[in-house]
Amino acid sequence: MSIPANLKYTKDHEWVSIDGDVATVGITHFAQKELGDIVYVEVETLDQTLEKDEVFGTVEAVKTVSDLFLPLSGEIIAFNEELESTPEAVNSDPYGAGWMIKVKIANASEIDSLLSDEAYKQLIGA
């Protein structure tokens, strides 16, 4: 199972890539595998400022709908609009084309609360 070492992770199975004061967020390979075939990604929080752990959207698979939790407080500045026509990118390339949002980080100290790749591997038993 792919768990890139250069990313941070949450207990809710989101991954985070940090570039300066912007974080790119998606769901992990483990999460997409557990959900199954993803048919819809909804993010209605674009241009909103949310707190860490607030719901920023939902991902719908064939048999379930799951909330997406914001890993870091901040303003949602971008949504991967490609997911509107190709939500299956979350399954096929969760760490690349399947990214979901970009967040302007409001509180950089929250980054310390994210999991390393090793801690995430322990969490999922990989």
N, C-alpha and C. Protein backbone atom coordinates (compact mmCIF):
# COMPACT_ATOMS: atom_id res chain seq x y z
N MET A 1 0.85 -1.18 0.00
CA MET A 1 0.00 0.00 0.00
C MET A 1 0.89 1.24 0.00
N SER A 2 0.52 2.17 -0.81
CA SER A 2 1.31 3.39 -0.98
C SER A 2 1.02 4.41 0.13
N ILE A 3 2.07 4.77 0.87
CA ILE A 3 1.98 5.81 1.90
C ILE A 3 3.21 6.71 1.74
N PRO A 4 3.10 7.74 0.89
CA PRO A 4 4.27 8.59 0.64
C PRO A 4 4.85 9.21 1.90
N ALA A 5 6.18 9.18 2.00
CA ALA A 5 6.88 9.68 3.18
C ALA A 5 6.89 11.20 3.25
N ASN A 6 6.66 11.89 2.12
CA ASN A 6 6.75 13.35 2.11
C ASN A 6 5.44 14.04 2.50
N LEU A 7 4.43 13.27 2.86
CA LEU A 7 3.14 13.84 3.23
C LEU A 7 2.89 13.71 4.72
N LYS A 8 1.91 14.46 5.21
CA LYS A 8 1.41 14.33 6.58
C LYS A 8 0.03 13.69 6.48
N TYR A 9 -0.45 13.13 7.58
CA TYR A 9 -1.71 12.37 7.57
C TYR A 9 -2.56 12.70 8.79
N THR A 10 -3.87 12.37 8.68
CA THR A 10 -4.77 12.53 9.82
C THR A 10 -5.33 11.17 10.21
N LYS A 11 -5.87 11.11 11.42
CA LYS A 11 -6.53 9.89 11.87
C LYS A 11 -7.80 9.61 11.08
N ASP A 12 -8.30 10.63 10.38
CA ASP A 12 -9.50 10.48 9.55
C ASP A 12 -9.15 10.09 8.11
N HIS A 13 -7.89 9.77 7.87
CA HIS A 13 -7.40 9.25 6.58
C HIS A 13 -7.34 10.30 5.47
N GLU A 14 -7.07 11.55 5.85
CA GLU A 14 -6.73 12.56 4.85
C GLU A 14 -5.21 12.67 4.79
N TRP A 15 -4.70 13.01 3.61
CA TRP A 15 -3.28 13.32 3.48
C TRP A 15 -3.14 14.82 3.25
N VAL A 16 -1.98 15.35 3.62
CA VAL A 16 -1.72 16.78 3.53
C VAL A 16 -0.32 16.98 2.96
N SER A 17 -0.24 17.81 1.92
CA SER A 17 1.04 18.23 1.36
C SER A 17 1.17 19.73 1.62
N ILE A 18 2.27 20.12 2.26
CA ILE A 18 2.44 21.52 2.65
C ILE A 18 3.46 22.20 1.75
N ASP A 19 3.07 23.34 1.20
CA ASP A 19 3.96 24.15 0.36
C ASP A 19 3.83 25.59 0.83
N GLY A 20 4.75 26.02 1.68
CA GLY A 20 4.65 27.36 2.26
C GLY A 20 3.46 27.45 3.19
N ASP A 21 2.53 28.37 2.89
CA ASP A 21 1.33 28.51 3.73
C ASP A 21 0.09 27.93 3.07
N VAL A 22 0.30 27.03 2.09
CA VAL A 22 -0.82 26.37 1.41
C VAL A 22 -0.69 24.86 1.59
N ALA A 23 -1.80 24.24 1.98
CA ALA A 23 -1.85 22.79 2.13
C ALA A 23 -2.79 22.21 1.07
N THR A 24 -2.33 21.17 0.39
CA THR A 24 -3.17 20.41 -0.53
C THR A 24 -3.65 19.20 0.25
N VAL A 25 -4.95 18.89 0.11
CA VAL A 25 -5.57 17.84 0.91
C VAL A 25 -6.30 16.84 0.01
N GLY A 26 -6.20 15.58 0.36
CA GLY A 26 -6.95 14.52 -0.31
C GLY A 26 -7.18 13.40 0.67
N ILE A 27 -7.72 12.28 0.19
CA ILE A 27 -7.86 11.12 1.06
C ILE A 27 -6.81 10.08 0.68
N THR A 28 -6.43 9.28 1.64
CA THR A 28 -5.35 8.33 1.44
C THR A 28 -5.78 7.13 0.59
N HIS A 29 -4.76 6.42 0.13
CA HIS A 29 -5.00 5.17 -0.61
C HIS A 29 -5.84 4.22 0.24
N PHE A 30 -5.52 4.12 1.52
CA PHE A 30 -6.27 3.26 2.44
C PHE A 30 -7.75 3.66 2.46
N ALA A 31 -8.02 4.96 2.57
CA ALA A 31 -9.40 5.45 2.65
C ALA A 31 -10.17 5.16 1.37
N GLN A 32 -9.57 5.44 0.22
CA GLN A 32 -10.28 5.20 -1.03
C GLN A 32 -10.55 3.71 -1.24
N LYS A 33 -9.62 2.87 -0.78
CA LYS A 33 -9.80 1.42 -0.90
C LYS A 33 -10.95 0.95 -0.01
N GLU A 34 -11.03 1.49 1.20
CA GLU A 34 -12.12 1.15 2.12
C GLU A 34 -13.48 1.61 1.58
N LEU A 35 -13.51 2.78 0.95
CA LEU A 35 -14.76 3.32 0.42
C LEU A 35 -15.24 2.57 -0.81
N GLY A 36 -14.32 2.11 -1.63
CA GLY A 36 -14.70 1.47 -2.89
C GLY A 36 -14.80 2.51 -4.00
N ASP A 37 -15.54 2.18 -5.05
CA ASP A 37 -15.62 3.05 -6.22
C ASP A 37 -16.27 4.39 -5.89
N ILE A 38 -15.50 5.45 -6.02
CA ILE A 38 -15.98 6.80 -5.72
C ILE A 38 -16.70 7.36 -6.93
N VAL A 39 -17.93 7.84 -6.69
CA VAL A 39 -18.77 8.33 -7.78
C VAL A 39 -19.03 9.83 -7.72
N TYR A 40 -18.71 10.47 -6.59
CA TYR A 40 -19.00 11.90 -6.47
C TYR A 40 -18.19 12.49 -5.32
N VAL A 41 -17.63 13.67 -5.55
CA VAL A 41 -16.95 14.42 -4.50
C VAL A 41 -17.62 15.79 -4.43
N GLU A 42 -18.09 16.16 -3.24
CA GLU A 42 -18.78 17.43 -3.08
C GLU A 42 -18.03 18.30 -2.08
N VAL A 43 -17.70 19.51 -2.53
CA VAL A 43 -17.07 20.51 -1.66
C VAL A 43 -17.81 21.82 -1.89
N GLU A 44 -18.59 22.22 -0.89
CA GLU A 44 -19.36 23.47 -0.99
C GLU A 44 -18.77 24.56 -0.10
N THR A 45 -17.53 24.36 0.33
CA THR A 45 -16.91 25.28 1.28
C THR A 45 -15.83 26.14 0.63
N LEU A 46 -15.76 26.16 -0.70
CA LEU A 46 -14.77 26.98 -1.39
C LEU A 46 -14.91 28.44 -0.96
N ASP A 47 -13.80 29.09 -0.70
CA ASP A 47 -13.73 30.49 -0.25
C ASP A 47 -14.23 30.70 1.18
N GLN A 48 -14.44 29.63 1.91
CA GLN A 48 -14.84 29.75 3.32
C GLN A 48 -13.63 29.46 4.21
N THR A 49 -13.64 30.05 5.39
CA THR A 49 -12.62 29.78 6.38
C THR A 49 -13.22 28.85 7.43
N LEU A 50 -12.57 27.71 7.62
CA LEU A 50 -13.07 26.69 8.55
C LEU A 50 -12.00 26.39 9.59
N GLU A 51 -12.45 25.81 10.69
CA GLU A 51 -11.54 25.38 11.74
C GLU A 51 -11.10 23.94 11.49
N LYS A 52 -9.95 23.59 12.04
CA LYS A 52 -9.45 22.23 11.98
C LYS A 52 -10.55 21.26 12.45
N ASP A 53 -10.69 20.15 11.74
CA ASP A 53 -11.63 19.07 12.03
C ASP A 53 -13.07 19.37 11.63
N GLU A 54 -13.35 20.56 11.07
CA GLU A 54 -14.69 20.81 10.54
C GLU A 54 -14.86 20.06 9.22
N VAL A 55 -16.11 19.73 8.88
CA VAL A 55 -16.41 19.05 7.63
C VAL A 55 -16.28 20.05 6.48
N PHE A 56 -15.44 19.71 5.49
CA PHE A 56 -15.28 20.59 4.33
C PHE A 56 -15.97 20.06 3.09
N GLY A 57 -16.45 18.82 3.15
CA GLY A 57 -17.13 18.24 2.00
C GLY A 57 -17.48 16.79 2.27
N THR A 58 -17.93 16.12 1.21
CA THR A 58 -18.25 14.70 1.32
C THR A 58 -17.73 13.96 0.09
N VAL A 59 -17.50 12.69 0.28
CA VAL A 59 -17.13 11.82 -0.82
C VAL A 59 -18.16 10.70 -0.84
N GLU A 60 -18.71 10.45 -2.03
CA GLU A 60 -19.75 9.44 -2.17
C GLU A 60 -19.21 8.27 -2.98
N ALA A 61 -19.34 7.10 -2.38
CA ALA A 61 -18.97 5.87 -3.07
C ALA A 61 -20.27 5.12 -3.40
N VAL A 62 -20.16 4.01 -4.08
CA VAL A 62 -21.34 3.28 -4.51
C VAL A 62 -22.27 2.95 -3.35
N LYS A 63 -21.69 2.59 -2.18
CA LYS A 63 -22.53 2.13 -1.07
C LYS A 63 -22.53 3.04 0.16
N THR A 64 -21.81 4.16 0.13
CA THR A 64 -21.72 4.98 1.32
C THR A 64 -21.36 6.43 0.99
N VAL A 65 -21.62 7.31 1.93
CA VAL A 65 -21.18 8.71 1.84
C VAL A 65 -20.37 9.00 3.10
N SER A 66 -19.21 9.60 2.93
CA SER A 66 -18.35 9.92 4.08
C SER A 66 -18.03 11.40 4.10
N ASP A 67 -18.02 11.96 5.31
CA ASP A 67 -17.61 13.34 5.49
C ASP A 67 -16.10 13.46 5.32
N LEU A 68 -15.68 14.63 4.86
CA LEU A 68 -14.26 14.96 4.74
C LEU A 68 -13.95 16.02 5.79
N PHE A 69 -12.93 15.78 6.60
CA PHE A 69 -12.59 16.67 7.71
C PHE A 69 -11.34 17.48 7.40
N LEU A 70 -11.41 18.77 7.65
CA LEU A 70 -10.30 19.67 7.38
C LEU A 70 -9.16 19.40 8.35
N PRO A 71 -7.96 19.07 7.85
CA PRO A 71 -6.85 18.75 8.75
C PRO A 71 -6.18 19.95 9.39
N LEU A 72 -6.37 21.13 8.81
CA LEU A 72 -5.75 22.36 9.32
C LEU A 72 -6.72 23.52 9.16
N SER A 73 -6.80 24.40 10.13
CA SER A 73 -7.66 25.58 10.02
C SER A 73 -7.18 26.46 8.87
N GLY A 74 -8.15 27.06 8.16
CA GLY A 74 -7.77 27.98 7.10
C GLY A 74 -8.87 28.18 6.09
N GLU A 75 -8.53 28.96 5.06
CA GLU A 75 -9.48 29.28 4.00
C GLU A 75 -9.31 28.31 2.84
N ILE A 76 -10.41 27.73 2.39
CA ILE A 76 -10.37 26.82 1.25
C ILE A 76 -10.28 27.68 -0.01
N ILE A 77 -9.11 27.62 -0.66
CA ILE A 77 -8.85 28.53 -1.78
C ILE A 77 -8.96 27.84 -3.14
N ALA A 78 -9.04 26.52 -3.17
CA ALA A 78 -9.17 25.82 -4.46
C ALA A 78 -9.84 24.48 -4.24
N PHE A 79 -10.61 24.07 -5.25
CA PHE A 79 -11.23 22.75 -5.31
C PHE A 79 -10.80 22.12 -6.63
N ASN A 80 -10.47 20.87 -6.61
CA ASN A 80 -10.06 20.16 -7.81
C ASN A 80 -11.30 19.91 -8.68
N GLU A 81 -11.57 20.84 -9.57
CA GLU A 81 -12.79 20.76 -10.39
C GLU A 81 -12.79 19.57 -11.34
N GLU A 82 -11.62 18.99 -11.60
CA GLU A 82 -11.56 17.77 -12.43
C GLU A 82 -12.37 16.64 -11.81
N LEU A 83 -12.51 16.67 -10.48
CA LEU A 83 -13.24 15.59 -9.80
C LEU A 83 -14.73 15.63 -10.10
N GLU A 84 -15.25 16.77 -10.60
CA GLU A 84 -16.66 16.83 -10.96
C GLU A 84 -16.97 15.88 -12.11
N SER A 85 -16.05 15.75 -13.06
CA SER A 85 -16.29 14.86 -14.20
C SER A 85 -15.55 13.53 -14.05
N THR A 86 -14.52 13.48 -13.22
CA THR A 86 -13.75 12.23 -13.06
C THR A 86 -13.48 11.94 -11.58
N PRO A 87 -14.53 11.69 -10.78
CA PRO A 87 -14.30 11.41 -9.35
C PRO A 87 -13.49 10.15 -9.13
N GLU A 88 -13.46 9.26 -10.12
CA GLU A 88 -12.69 8.02 -9.98
C GLU A 88 -11.19 8.28 -9.89
N ALA A 89 -10.74 9.51 -10.17
CA ALA A 89 -9.32 9.85 -9.99
C ALA A 89 -8.90 9.68 -8.53
N VAL A 90 -9.85 9.83 -7.60
CA VAL A 90 -9.54 9.62 -6.18
C VAL A 90 -9.15 8.16 -5.95
N ASN A 91 -9.76 7.23 -6.69
CA ASN A 91 -9.40 5.82 -6.58
C ASN A 91 -8.09 5.52 -7.31
N SER A 92 -7.96 6.02 -8.52
CA SER A 92 -6.82 5.63 -9.35
C SER A 92 -5.53 6.37 -9.00
N ASP A 93 -5.63 7.59 -8.47
CA ASP A 93 -4.44 8.39 -8.18
C ASP A 93 -4.71 9.29 -6.97
N PRO A 94 -4.92 8.69 -5.77
CA PRO A 94 -5.33 9.49 -4.61
C PRO A 94 -4.34 10.58 -4.21
N TYR A 95 -3.03 10.37 -4.48
CA TYR A 95 -2.02 11.35 -4.06
C TYR A 95 -1.63 12.31 -5.18
N GLY A 96 -2.24 12.16 -6.34
CA GLY A 96 -1.91 13.01 -7.48
C GLY A 96 -3.17 13.68 -8.01
N ALA A 97 -3.69 13.16 -9.11
CA ALA A 97 -4.87 13.74 -9.77
C ALA A 97 -6.10 13.73 -8.87
N GLY A 98 -6.10 12.91 -7.81
CA GLY A 98 -7.24 12.81 -6.92
C GLY A 98 -7.24 13.78 -5.75
N TRP A 99 -6.33 14.77 -5.77
CA TRP A 99 -6.35 15.78 -4.69
C TRP A 99 -7.71 16.46 -4.67
N MET A 100 -8.10 16.98 -3.51
CA MET A 100 -9.44 17.54 -3.38
C MET A 100 -9.47 19.06 -3.21
N ILE A 101 -8.73 19.58 -2.23
CA ILE A 101 -8.76 21.02 -1.96
C ILE A 101 -7.37 21.56 -1.66
N LYS A 102 -7.27 22.89 -1.75
CA LYS A 102 -6.09 23.61 -1.27
C LYS A 102 -6.58 24.59 -0.20
N VAL A 103 -5.81 24.66 0.89
CA VAL A 103 -6.18 25.48 2.04
C VAL A 103 -5.06 26.46 2.35
N LYS A 104 -5.41 27.73 2.53
CA LYS A 104 -4.44 28.71 3.02
C LYS A 104 -4.40 28.54 4.53
N ILE A 105 -3.29 28.06 5.04
CA ILE A 105 -3.15 27.68 6.45
C ILE A 105 -3.24 28.90 7.35
N ALA A 106 -4.13 28.83 8.33
CA ALA A 106 -4.32 29.94 9.28
C ALA A 106 -3.43 29.81 10.50
N ASN A 107 -3.10 28.57 10.89
CA ASN A 107 -2.34 28.35 12.12
C ASN A 107 -1.30 27.26 11.87
N ALA A 108 -0.09 27.68 11.52
CA ALA A 108 0.96 26.73 11.16
C ALA A 108 1.31 25.77 12.30
N SER A 109 1.04 26.14 13.54
CA SER A 109 1.37 25.24 14.65
C SER A 109 0.53 23.96 14.62
N GLU A 110 -0.61 23.99 13.93
CA GLU A 110 -1.45 22.79 13.82
C GLU A 110 -0.77 21.69 13.00
N ILE A 111 0.19 22.06 12.18
CA ILE A 111 0.90 21.06 11.37
C ILE A 111 1.53 20.00 12.28
N ASP A 112 1.98 20.43 13.46
CA ASP A 112 2.62 19.51 14.40
C ASP A 112 1.69 18.40 14.88
N SER A 113 0.38 18.61 14.77
CA SER A 113 -0.58 17.60 15.24
C SER A 113 -0.86 16.53 14.18
N LEU A 114 -0.34 16.71 12.98
CA LEU A 114 -0.55 15.73 11.91
C LEU A 114 0.38 14.54 12.10
N LEU A 115 0.01 13.42 11.51
CA LEU A 115 0.79 12.19 11.64
C LEU A 115 1.87 12.12 10.57
N SER A 116 3.01 11.55 10.93
CA SER A 116 4.05 11.24 9.95
C SER A 116 3.60 10.00 9.18
N ASP A 117 4.33 9.68 8.10
CA ASP A 117 3.99 8.46 7.36
C ASP A 117 4.14 7.22 8.26
N GLU A 118 5.14 7.20 9.12
CA GLU A 118 5.34 6.05 10.01
C GLU A 118 4.19 5.93 11.02
N ALA A 119 3.76 7.05 11.59
CA ALA A 119 2.64 7.02 12.55
C ALA A 119 1.35 6.60 11.84
N TYR A 120 1.16 7.03 10.60
CA TYR A 120 -0.04 6.65 9.85
C TYR A 120 -0.01 5.15 9.53
N LYS A 121 1.15 4.63 9.18
CA LYS A 121 1.29 3.18 8.91
C LYS A 121 0.88 2.39 10.17
N GLN A 122 1.31 2.86 11.34
CA GLN A 122 0.93 2.19 12.60
C GLN A 122 -0.59 2.25 12.81
N LEU A 123 -1.17 3.41 12.51
CA LEU A 123 -2.61 3.59 12.69
C LEU A 123 -3.42 2.58 11.87
N ILE A 124 -3.00 2.34 10.63
CA ILE A 124 -3.77 1.45 9.76
C ILE A 124 -3.24 0.02 9.75
N GLY A 125 -2.18 -0.22 10.52
CA GLY A 125 -1.63 -1.55 10.61
C GLY A 125 -0.89 -2.00 9.35
N ALA A 126 -0.26 -1.05 8.67
CA ALA A 126 0.47 -1.38 7.43
C ALA A 126 1.91 -1.73 7.71
